[in-house]
Amino acid sequence: MEYHNTTDENILLAFKAGLSNQSDVLSSWKKGTDFCQWPGVLCSLKHKHRVTVLNLSSESLAGTITPSIGNLTFLKILDLSGNNLDGEIPSSIGRLARLQFLDLSNNSLYGDITSDLKNCTSLQGISLKSNYLTGEIPAWLGALPSLKLIYLQKNSFTGSIPTSLANLSSLSRNLSHHEST
């Protein structure tokens, strides 16, 4: 009898395969083992064997964030901060309707903030600080109904800070080191 959801297991293994430097923390990530016991993974008690938290912060991971990460449909917290991840933020993260906290800070991510993140309407906190992100800070960030924390400092954004962010009364923000052009 199958004891877990192979879909989430396969998504996690695809994420692992996208990494060029896999720290020891991922050595136990093997097919057929209980992925809810894997380091950095927490699963739902209500929805058996559905991943709700992926926390691999400061694990010396290198490589890209694979688009398959957007298929972890029960994910509430994604923390990949403090690694050596590069590439663009996958647009597939926008499919994570339950996502509440996204921390991709202190990596080497580049490109624009994907507009697909506006679909993450449960998002309460987002930290993308200390990357190489470019383009303008999107105004739609201010339309996320639950957003309370946003950290975007130490990137290469252009333009001004959108007024939509300034108007959010419950928002704690740190946009310092933003250089307007």
N, C-alpha and C. Protein backbone atom coordinates (compact mmCIF):
# COMPACT_ATOMS: atom_id res chain seq x y z
N MET A 1 0.84 -1.19 0.00
CA MET A 1 0.00 0.00 0.00
C MET A 1 0.88 1.25 0.00
N GLU A 2 0.52 2.20 -0.81
CA GLU A 2 1.28 3.45 -0.91
C GLU A 2 1.07 4.25 0.37
N TYR A 3 2.15 4.67 1.01
CA TYR A 3 2.04 5.37 2.28
C TYR A 3 2.21 6.87 2.16
N HIS A 4 2.44 7.36 0.97
CA HIS A 4 2.57 8.80 0.81
C HIS A 4 2.25 9.23 -0.61
N ASN A 5 2.15 10.52 -0.76
CA ASN A 5 1.82 11.15 -2.02
C ASN A 5 3.07 11.21 -2.89
N THR A 6 3.10 10.41 -3.94
CA THR A 6 4.31 10.39 -4.78
C THR A 6 4.47 11.67 -5.59
N THR A 7 3.38 12.41 -5.79
CA THR A 7 3.48 13.66 -6.53
C THR A 7 4.41 14.64 -5.82
N ASP A 8 4.16 14.90 -4.54
CA ASP A 8 5.02 15.82 -3.80
C ASP A 8 6.43 15.27 -3.69
N GLU A 9 6.56 13.97 -3.53
CA GLU A 9 7.90 13.36 -3.48
C GLU A 9 8.65 13.64 -4.79
N ASN A 10 8.01 13.41 -5.91
CA ASN A 10 8.65 13.62 -7.21
C ASN A 10 9.01 15.09 -7.45
N ILE A 11 8.17 16.00 -6.96
CA ILE A 11 8.46 17.43 -7.10
C ILE A 11 9.71 17.79 -6.31
N LEU A 12 9.81 17.28 -5.08
CA LEU A 12 10.99 17.55 -4.25
C LEU A 12 12.24 16.96 -4.88
N LEU A 13 12.13 15.77 -5.45
CA LEU A 13 13.29 15.15 -6.10
C LEU A 13 13.69 15.91 -7.36
N ALA A 14 12.72 16.47 -8.08
CA ALA A 14 13.03 17.30 -9.26
C ALA A 14 13.73 18.58 -8.82
N PHE A 15 13.30 19.16 -7.70
CA PHE A 15 13.97 20.34 -7.15
C PHE A 15 15.41 19.99 -6.80
N LYS A 16 15.61 18.88 -6.14
CA LYS A 16 16.96 18.43 -5.76
C LYS A 16 17.83 18.24 -7.01
N ALA A 17 17.26 17.66 -8.06
CA ALA A 17 18.01 17.39 -9.29
C ALA A 17 18.46 18.69 -9.97
N GLY A 18 17.75 19.79 -9.73
CA GLY A 18 18.11 21.07 -10.33
C GLY A 18 19.27 21.77 -9.63
N LEU A 19 19.73 21.19 -8.55
CA LEU A 19 20.81 21.80 -7.79
C LEU A 19 22.15 21.20 -8.20
N SER A 20 23.13 22.06 -8.39
CA SER A 20 24.46 21.58 -8.77
C SER A 20 25.31 21.28 -7.55
N ASN A 21 25.00 21.90 -6.45
CA ASN A 21 25.71 21.63 -5.20
C ASN A 21 24.67 21.26 -4.16
N GLN A 22 24.63 19.99 -3.83
CA GLN A 22 23.65 19.51 -2.88
C GLN A 22 24.35 19.24 -1.55
N SER A 23 23.98 19.99 -0.56
CA SER A 23 24.62 19.82 0.74
C SER A 23 24.21 18.50 1.36
N ASP A 24 24.86 18.16 2.44
CA ASP A 24 24.56 16.91 3.13
C ASP A 24 23.11 16.83 3.58
N VAL A 25 22.48 17.98 3.75
CA VAL A 25 21.10 17.99 4.21
C VAL A 25 20.18 17.24 3.24
N LEU A 26 20.55 17.19 1.96
CA LEU A 26 19.71 16.51 0.97
C LEU A 26 20.10 15.05 0.75
N SER A 27 21.09 14.57 1.44
CA SER A 27 21.56 13.19 1.21
C SER A 27 20.50 12.15 1.55
N SER A 28 19.59 12.48 2.44
CA SER A 28 18.53 11.52 2.80
C SER A 28 17.30 11.65 1.91
N TRP A 29 17.32 12.60 0.99
CA TRP A 29 16.20 12.77 0.07
C TRP A 29 16.30 11.68 -1.00
N LYS A 30 15.66 10.55 -0.76
CA LYS A 30 15.72 9.42 -1.69
C LYS A 30 14.33 8.88 -1.95
N LYS A 31 14.11 8.50 -3.20
CA LYS A 31 12.82 7.95 -3.61
C LYS A 31 12.46 6.75 -2.75
N GLY A 32 11.20 6.70 -2.36
CA GLY A 32 10.71 5.56 -1.59
C GLY A 32 10.84 5.71 -0.09
N THR A 33 11.51 6.78 0.35
CA THR A 33 11.57 7.04 1.79
C THR A 33 10.48 8.06 2.14
N ASP A 34 10.15 8.18 3.38
CA ASP A 34 9.09 9.10 3.79
C ASP A 34 9.58 10.54 3.70
N PHE A 35 9.19 11.23 2.63
CA PHE A 35 9.70 12.58 2.40
C PHE A 35 9.25 13.57 3.47
N CYS A 36 8.21 13.25 4.21
CA CYS A 36 7.79 14.13 5.31
C CYS A 36 8.79 14.10 6.46
N GLN A 37 9.71 13.16 6.42
CA GLN A 37 10.78 13.08 7.42
C GLN A 37 12.09 13.67 6.90
N TRP A 38 12.11 14.09 5.65
CA TRP A 38 13.32 14.66 5.08
C TRP A 38 13.64 16.00 5.76
N PRO A 39 14.92 16.29 5.95
CA PRO A 39 15.30 17.58 6.52
C PRO A 39 14.78 18.73 5.66
N GLY A 40 14.22 19.73 6.32
CA GLY A 40 13.72 20.91 5.63
C GLY A 40 12.29 20.80 5.14
N VAL A 41 11.67 19.64 5.30
CA VAL A 41 10.32 19.40 4.79
C VAL A 41 9.36 19.18 5.95
N LEU A 42 8.25 19.89 5.93
CA LEU A 42 7.17 19.64 6.87
C LEU A 42 5.91 19.37 6.06
N CYS A 43 5.13 18.41 6.53
CA CYS A 43 3.90 18.05 5.83
C CYS A 43 2.69 18.38 6.68
N SER A 44 1.57 18.49 6.03
CA SER A 44 0.30 18.81 6.67
C SER A 44 -0.19 17.64 7.52
N LEU A 45 -0.76 17.94 8.65
CA LEU A 45 -1.41 16.91 9.46
C LEU A 45 -2.81 16.64 8.91
N LYS A 46 -3.44 17.68 8.41
CA LYS A 46 -4.80 17.58 7.90
C LYS A 46 -4.84 16.86 6.55
N HIS A 47 -3.94 17.23 5.66
CA HIS A 47 -3.87 16.62 4.33
C HIS A 47 -2.64 15.74 4.31
N LYS A 48 -2.83 14.47 4.51
CA LYS A 48 -1.72 13.53 4.68
C LYS A 48 -0.70 13.63 3.55
N HIS A 49 0.53 13.77 3.97
CA HIS A 49 1.68 13.77 3.07
C HIS A 49 1.60 14.81 1.95
N ARG A 50 1.15 16.00 2.32
CA ARG A 50 1.23 17.14 1.42
C ARG A 50 2.20 18.13 2.05
N VAL A 51 3.18 18.57 1.29
CA VAL A 51 4.22 19.46 1.80
C VAL A 51 3.64 20.85 2.04
N THR A 52 3.81 21.36 3.27
CA THR A 52 3.35 22.70 3.61
C THR A 52 4.51 23.66 3.87
N VAL A 53 5.67 23.13 4.23
CA VAL A 53 6.84 23.97 4.50
C VAL A 53 8.07 23.35 3.83
N LEU A 54 8.80 24.18 3.09
CA LEU A 54 10.11 23.79 2.57
C LEU A 54 11.09 24.86 3.05
N ASN A 55 11.92 24.48 4.03
CA ASN A 55 12.86 25.41 4.63
C ASN A 55 14.27 24.84 4.50
N LEU A 56 14.99 25.34 3.53
CA LEU A 56 16.38 24.93 3.29
C LEU A 56 17.29 26.15 3.33
N SER A 57 17.04 27.02 4.29
CA SER A 57 17.84 28.23 4.40
C SER A 57 19.25 27.91 4.88
N SER A 58 20.21 28.63 4.31
CA SER A 58 21.63 28.54 4.70
C SER A 58 22.17 27.11 4.67
N GLU A 59 21.90 26.42 3.59
CA GLU A 59 22.37 25.04 3.43
C GLU A 59 23.42 24.90 2.33
N SER A 60 23.98 25.99 1.85
CA SER A 60 25.02 25.99 0.82
C SER A 60 24.56 25.34 -0.48
N LEU A 61 23.29 25.49 -0.80
CA LEU A 61 22.76 24.94 -2.05
C LEU A 61 23.12 25.86 -3.20
N ALA A 62 23.42 25.28 -4.35
CA ALA A 62 23.70 26.05 -5.56
C ALA A 62 22.91 25.45 -6.70
N GLY A 63 22.61 26.27 -7.69
CA GLY A 63 21.84 25.83 -8.83
C GLY A 63 20.63 26.72 -9.01
N THR A 64 19.63 26.22 -9.68
CA THR A 64 18.43 27.02 -9.96
C THR A 64 17.23 26.45 -9.22
N ILE A 65 16.24 27.29 -9.05
CA ILE A 65 14.98 26.85 -8.47
C ILE A 65 14.16 26.31 -9.63
N THR A 66 13.90 25.02 -9.63
CA THR A 66 13.18 24.41 -10.76
C THR A 66 11.71 24.83 -10.76
N PRO A 67 11.13 24.97 -11.95
CA PRO A 67 9.71 25.34 -12.04
C PRO A 67 8.78 24.36 -11.34
N SER A 68 9.22 23.12 -11.17
CA SER A 68 8.37 22.12 -10.52
C SER A 68 7.96 22.54 -9.11
N ILE A 69 8.70 23.45 -8.49
CA ILE A 69 8.40 23.90 -7.13
C ILE A 69 6.98 24.47 -7.06
N GLY A 70 6.49 25.00 -8.16
CA GLY A 70 5.14 25.56 -8.23
C GLY A 70 4.05 24.52 -8.19
N ASN A 71 4.42 23.25 -8.19
CA ASN A 71 3.43 22.17 -8.11
C ASN A 71 3.20 21.67 -6.70
N LEU A 72 3.90 22.25 -5.72
CA LEU A 72 3.67 21.89 -4.31
C LEU A 72 2.48 22.72 -3.83
N THR A 73 1.29 22.32 -4.24
CA THR A 73 0.10 23.16 -4.12
C THR A 73 -0.35 23.43 -2.68
N PHE A 74 0.16 22.69 -1.72
CA PHE A 74 -0.21 22.93 -0.32
C PHE A 74 0.85 23.76 0.41
N LEU A 75 1.88 24.20 -0.31
CA LEU A 75 3.00 24.91 0.31
C LEU A 75 2.55 26.25 0.89
N LYS A 76 2.90 26.47 2.17
CA LYS A 76 2.59 27.73 2.85
C LYS A 76 3.85 28.56 3.10
N ILE A 77 4.97 27.88 3.30
CA ILE A 77 6.23 28.58 3.58
C ILE A 77 7.31 28.01 2.67
N LEU A 78 7.97 28.89 1.92
CA LEU A 78 9.11 28.52 1.09
C LEU A 78 10.27 29.41 1.49
N ASP A 79 11.28 28.80 2.13
CA ASP A 79 12.45 29.55 2.59
C ASP A 79 13.70 28.89 2.01
N LEU A 80 14.27 29.54 1.01
CA LEU A 80 15.51 29.08 0.38
C LEU A 80 16.59 30.15 0.54
N SER A 81 16.47 30.96 1.56
CA SER A 81 17.39 32.08 1.78
C SER A 81 18.79 31.61 2.15
N GLY A 82 19.76 32.48 1.88
CA GLY A 82 21.13 32.24 2.31
C GLY A 82 21.84 31.10 1.62
N ASN A 83 21.53 30.89 0.36
CA ASN A 83 22.19 29.85 -0.43
C ASN A 83 22.93 30.50 -1.59
N ASN A 84 23.27 29.73 -2.59
CA ASN A 84 23.92 30.25 -3.80
C ASN A 84 23.05 29.97 -5.01
N LEU A 85 21.75 30.11 -4.86
CA LEU A 85 20.83 29.85 -5.96
C LEU A 85 20.90 31.00 -6.95
N ASP A 86 20.85 30.66 -8.24
CA ASP A 86 20.88 31.70 -9.26
C ASP A 86 19.76 31.46 -10.26
N GLY A 87 19.72 32.28 -11.29
CA GLY A 87 18.65 32.21 -12.26
C GLY A 87 17.52 33.13 -11.87
N GLU A 88 16.43 33.02 -12.60
CA GLU A 88 15.27 33.86 -12.34
C GLU A 88 14.33 33.18 -11.36
N ILE A 89 13.50 33.97 -10.72
CA ILE A 89 12.46 33.42 -9.85
C ILE A 89 11.45 32.74 -10.76
N PRO A 90 11.21 31.44 -10.58
CA PRO A 90 10.29 30.76 -11.49
C PRO A 90 8.87 31.33 -11.41
N SER A 91 8.27 31.55 -12.57
CA SER A 91 6.90 32.06 -12.60
C SER A 91 5.93 31.06 -11.98
N SER A 92 6.31 29.79 -11.95
CA SER A 92 5.43 28.75 -11.41
C SER A 92 5.14 28.95 -9.92
N ILE A 93 5.97 29.73 -9.22
CA ILE A 93 5.68 30.02 -7.81
C ILE A 93 4.33 30.72 -7.69
N GLY A 94 3.92 31.39 -8.74
CA GLY A 94 2.62 32.06 -8.77
C GLY A 94 1.44 31.11 -8.67
N ARG A 95 1.68 29.82 -8.84
CA ARG A 95 0.60 28.83 -8.70
C ARG A 95 0.37 28.42 -7.25
N LEU A 96 1.20 28.91 -6.35
CA LEU A 96 1.11 28.51 -4.94
C LEU A 96 0.11 29.39 -4.20
N ALA A 97 -1.16 29.09 -4.39
CA ALA A 97 -2.24 29.93 -3.84
C ALA A 97 -2.24 29.97 -2.32
N ARG A 98 -1.71 28.95 -1.67
CA ARG A 98 -1.69 28.91 -0.20
C ARG A 98 -0.42 29.54 0.40
N LEU A 99 0.52 29.94 -0.45
CA LEU A 99 1.80 30.45 0.03
C LEU A 99 1.61 31.70 0.88
N GLN A 100 2.16 31.66 2.11
CA GLN A 100 2.05 32.79 3.03
C GLN A 100 3.37 33.53 3.20
N PHE A 101 4.48 32.80 3.16
CA PHE A 101 5.80 33.42 3.34
C PHE A 101 6.77 32.90 2.28
N LEU A 102 7.42 33.81 1.59
CA LEU A 102 8.40 33.50 0.57
C LEU A 102 9.70 34.21 0.91
N ASP A 103 10.74 33.44 1.17
CA ASP A 103 12.05 34.04 1.48
C ASP A 103 13.09 33.45 0.54
N LEU A 104 13.52 34.26 -0.42
CA LEU A 104 14.56 33.89 -1.37
C LEU A 104 15.75 34.84 -1.23
N SER A 105 15.87 35.48 -0.09
CA SER A 105 16.91 36.48 0.14
C SER A 105 18.30 35.86 0.18
N ASN A 106 19.29 36.72 -0.03
CA ASN A 106 20.70 36.33 0.07
C ASN A 106 21.06 35.15 -0.84
N ASN A 107 20.71 35.29 -2.09
CA ASN A 107 21.09 34.34 -3.13
C ASN A 107 21.70 35.14 -4.27
N SER A 108 21.70 34.59 -5.47
CA SER A 108 22.20 35.29 -6.65
C SER A 108 21.14 35.30 -7.75
N LEU A 109 19.90 35.48 -7.35
CA LEU A 109 18.79 35.50 -8.30
C LEU A 109 18.82 36.81 -9.08
N TYR A 110 18.39 36.75 -10.33
CA TYR A 110 18.41 37.94 -11.18
C TYR A 110 17.13 38.02 -12.00
N GLY A 111 16.98 39.11 -12.72
CA GLY A 111 15.78 39.33 -13.53
C GLY A 111 14.73 40.11 -12.75
N ASP A 112 13.56 40.24 -13.35
CA ASP A 112 12.45 40.95 -12.72
C ASP A 112 11.76 40.07 -11.69
N ILE A 113 11.00 40.71 -10.82
CA ILE A 113 10.10 39.96 -9.94
C ILE A 113 8.96 39.48 -10.82
N THR A 114 8.78 38.17 -10.90
CA THR A 114 7.77 37.61 -11.80
C THR A 114 6.37 38.11 -11.44
N SER A 115 5.65 38.56 -12.45
CA SER A 115 4.29 39.07 -12.23
C SER A 115 3.34 37.98 -11.77
N ASP A 116 3.72 36.73 -11.95
CA ASP A 116 2.85 35.63 -11.52
C ASP A 116 2.70 35.58 -10.00
N LEU A 117 3.62 36.22 -9.28
CA LEU A 117 3.49 36.25 -7.81
C LEU A 117 2.23 36.97 -7.36
N LYS A 118 1.64 37.78 -8.23
CA LYS A 118 0.42 38.49 -7.84
C LYS A 118 -0.74 37.52 -7.61
N ASN A 119 -0.59 36.28 -8.08
CA ASN A 119 -1.61 35.26 -7.84
C ASN A 119 -1.51 34.65 -6.45
N CYS A 120 -0.45 34.94 -5.73
CA CYS A 120 -0.24 34.41 -4.37
C CYS A 120 -0.95 35.33 -3.38
N THR A 121 -2.27 35.29 -3.41
CA THR A 121 -3.06 36.25 -2.63
C THR A 121 -3.03 35.98 -1.13
N SER A 122 -2.49 34.85 -0.69
CA SER A 122 -2.35 34.56 0.74
C SER A 122 -1.02 35.06 1.29
N LEU A 123 -0.17 35.60 0.42
CA LEU A 123 1.18 36.01 0.81
C LEU A 123 1.15 37.09 1.88
N GLN A 124 1.77 36.79 3.03
CA GLN A 124 1.86 37.74 4.14
C GLN A 124 3.25 38.37 4.23
N GLY A 125 4.26 37.63 3.78
CA GLY A 125 5.62 38.14 3.85
C GLY A 125 6.44 37.69 2.67
N ILE A 126 7.26 38.60 2.15
CA ILE A 126 8.13 38.28 1.03
C ILE A 126 9.48 38.96 1.26
N SER A 127 10.54 38.18 1.16
CA SER A 127 11.89 38.72 1.28
C SER A 127 12.71 38.28 0.07
N LEU A 128 13.10 39.26 -0.71
CA LEU A 128 13.93 39.02 -1.90
C LEU A 128 15.21 39.83 -1.80
N LYS A 129 15.54 40.29 -0.61
CA LYS A 129 16.70 41.17 -0.42
C LYS A 129 18.01 40.47 -0.77
N SER A 130 19.00 41.27 -1.10
CA SER A 130 20.37 40.80 -1.36
C SER A 130 20.43 39.75 -2.47
N ASN A 131 19.89 40.13 -3.62
CA ASN A 131 20.00 39.36 -4.85
C ASN A 131 20.48 40.32 -5.94
N TYR A 132 20.24 39.98 -7.19
CA TYR A 132 20.60 40.84 -8.31
C TYR A 132 19.36 41.14 -9.15
N LEU A 133 18.24 41.32 -8.49
CA LEU A 133 16.98 41.56 -9.18
C LEU A 133 16.99 42.95 -9.80
N THR A 134 16.34 43.06 -10.96
CA THR A 134 16.32 44.31 -11.73
C THR A 134 14.90 44.68 -12.09
N GLY A 135 14.78 45.74 -12.87
CA GLY A 135 13.46 46.21 -13.28
C GLY A 135 12.85 47.07 -12.19
N GLU A 136 11.59 47.38 -12.36
CA GLU A 136 10.90 48.20 -11.38
C GLU A 136 10.26 47.34 -10.31
N ILE A 137 10.12 47.91 -9.12
CA ILE A 137 9.35 47.23 -8.08
C ILE A 137 7.90 47.28 -8.52
N PRO A 138 7.26 46.12 -8.68
CA PRO A 138 5.91 46.10 -9.24
C PRO A 138 4.86 46.72 -8.32
N ALA A 139 3.99 47.53 -8.90
CA ALA A 139 2.91 48.17 -8.14
C ALA A 139 1.92 47.14 -7.60
N TRP A 140 1.76 46.01 -8.29
CA TRP A 140 0.78 45.01 -7.85
C TRP A 140 1.13 44.42 -6.49
N LEU A 141 2.38 44.56 -6.03
CA LEU A 141 2.72 44.08 -4.68
C LEU A 141 1.81 44.74 -3.64
N GLY A 142 1.47 46.00 -3.87
CA GLY A 142 0.60 46.72 -2.95
C GLY A 142 -0.84 46.26 -2.97
N ALA A 143 -1.19 45.44 -3.95
CA ALA A 143 -2.56 44.93 -4.04
C ALA A 143 -2.72 43.56 -3.40
N LEU A 144 -1.62 42.98 -2.92
CA LEU A 144 -1.74 41.68 -2.25
C LEU A 144 -2.44 41.90 -0.92
N PRO A 145 -3.62 41.31 -0.74
CA PRO A 145 -4.48 41.67 0.39
C PRO A 145 -3.93 41.33 1.77
N SER A 146 -3.07 40.34 1.88
CA SER A 146 -2.58 39.90 3.19
C SER A 146 -1.16 40.35 3.49
N LEU A 147 -0.52 41.04 2.55
CA LEU A 147 0.90 41.37 2.69
C LEU A 147 1.17 42.30 3.87
N LYS A 148 2.09 41.86 4.74
CA LYS A 148 2.47 42.63 5.92
C LYS A 148 3.97 42.94 5.96
N LEU A 149 4.79 42.09 5.37
CA LEU A 149 6.25 42.25 5.40
C LEU A 149 6.80 42.17 3.99
N ILE A 150 7.68 43.10 3.64
CA ILE A 150 8.34 43.04 2.34
C ILE A 150 9.76 43.58 2.49
N TYR A 151 10.71 42.80 2.04
CA TYR A 151 12.12 43.17 2.10
C TYR A 151 12.71 43.03 0.70
N LEU A 152 13.10 44.15 0.13
CA LEU A 152 13.62 44.16 -1.24
C LEU A 152 14.98 44.84 -1.36
N GLN A 153 15.56 45.25 -0.25
CA GLN A 153 16.79 46.03 -0.30
C GLN A 153 17.95 45.21 -0.89
N LYS A 154 18.97 45.95 -1.30
CA LYS A 154 20.20 45.38 -1.87
C LYS A 154 19.92 44.56 -3.13
N ASN A 155 19.21 45.18 -4.06
CA ASN A 155 19.01 44.67 -5.40
C ASN A 155 19.33 45.81 -6.35
N SER A 156 19.02 45.66 -7.61
CA SER A 156 19.31 46.71 -8.60
C SER A 156 18.03 47.20 -9.27
N PHE A 157 17.01 47.46 -8.47
CA PHE A 157 15.75 47.94 -9.03
C PHE A 157 15.92 49.36 -9.56
N THR A 158 15.08 49.70 -10.52
CA THR A 158 15.06 51.05 -11.09
C THR A 158 13.69 51.66 -10.83
N GLY A 159 13.60 52.95 -11.06
CA GLY A 159 12.32 53.62 -10.87
C GLY A 159 12.08 53.95 -9.40
N SER A 160 10.87 54.40 -9.14
CA SER A 160 10.53 54.80 -7.78
C SER A 160 9.74 53.69 -7.08
N ILE A 161 9.63 53.85 -5.77
CA ILE A 161 8.86 52.89 -4.99
C ILE A 161 7.38 53.17 -5.27
N PRO A 162 6.63 52.14 -5.66
CA PRO A 162 5.21 52.35 -6.00
C PRO A 162 4.41 52.92 -4.82
N THR A 163 3.54 53.85 -5.12
CA THR A 163 2.70 54.43 -4.07
C THR A 163 1.79 53.38 -3.46
N SER A 164 1.48 52.33 -4.20
CA SER A 164 0.62 51.27 -3.66
C SER A 164 1.25 50.62 -2.43
N LEU A 165 2.58 50.59 -2.36
CA LEU A 165 3.25 50.04 -1.18
C LEU A 165 3.22 51.03 -0.03
N ALA A 166 3.37 52.29 -0.33
CA ALA A 166 3.37 53.31 0.71
C ALA A 166 2.00 53.43 1.38
N ASN A 167 0.96 53.05 0.68
CA ASN A 167 -0.40 53.20 1.20
C ASN A 167 -0.86 52.03 2.06
N LEU A 168 -0.07 50.97 2.15
CA LEU A 168 -0.47 49.82 2.95
C LEU A 168 -0.16 50.09 4.42
N SER A 169 -1.18 50.31 5.21
CA SER A 169 -0.96 50.72 6.61
C SER A 169 -0.39 49.60 7.47
N SER A 170 -0.71 48.35 7.17
CA SER A 170 -0.23 47.24 8.00
C SER A 170 1.12 46.71 7.54
N LEU A 171 1.68 47.33 6.53
CA LEU A 171 2.91 46.82 5.93
C LEU A 171 4.15 47.30 6.67
N SER A 172 5.01 46.34 7.03
CA SER A 172 6.34 46.65 7.54
C SER A 172 7.28 46.42 6.37
N ARG A 173 7.96 47.45 5.93
CA ARG A 173 8.74 47.31 4.71
C ARG A 173 10.16 47.81 4.91
N ASN A 174 11.04 47.21 4.16
CA ASN A 174 12.41 47.71 4.13
C ASN A 174 12.83 47.73 2.68
N LEU A 175 12.83 48.90 2.13
CA LEU A 175 13.19 49.09 0.72
C LEU A 175 14.48 49.90 0.63
N SER A 176 15.21 49.98 1.74
CA SER A 176 16.43 50.78 1.76
C SER A 176 17.42 50.27 0.73
N HIS A 177 18.34 51.10 0.40
CA HIS A 177 19.33 50.83 -0.64
C HIS A 177 18.67 50.74 -2.02
N HIS A 178 17.47 51.27 -2.13
CA HIS A 178 16.80 51.34 -3.43
C HIS A 178 17.25 52.63 -4.09
N GLU A 179 17.85 52.49 -5.24
CA GLU A 179 18.34 53.66 -5.96
C GLU A 179 17.38 54.00 -7.08
N SER A 180 16.66 55.08 -6.94
CA SER A 180 15.75 55.52 -8.00
C SER A 180 16.55 56.11 -9.14
N THR A 181 16.07 55.88 -10.34
CA THR A 181 16.72 56.47 -11.51
C THR A 181 15.77 57.42 -12.19
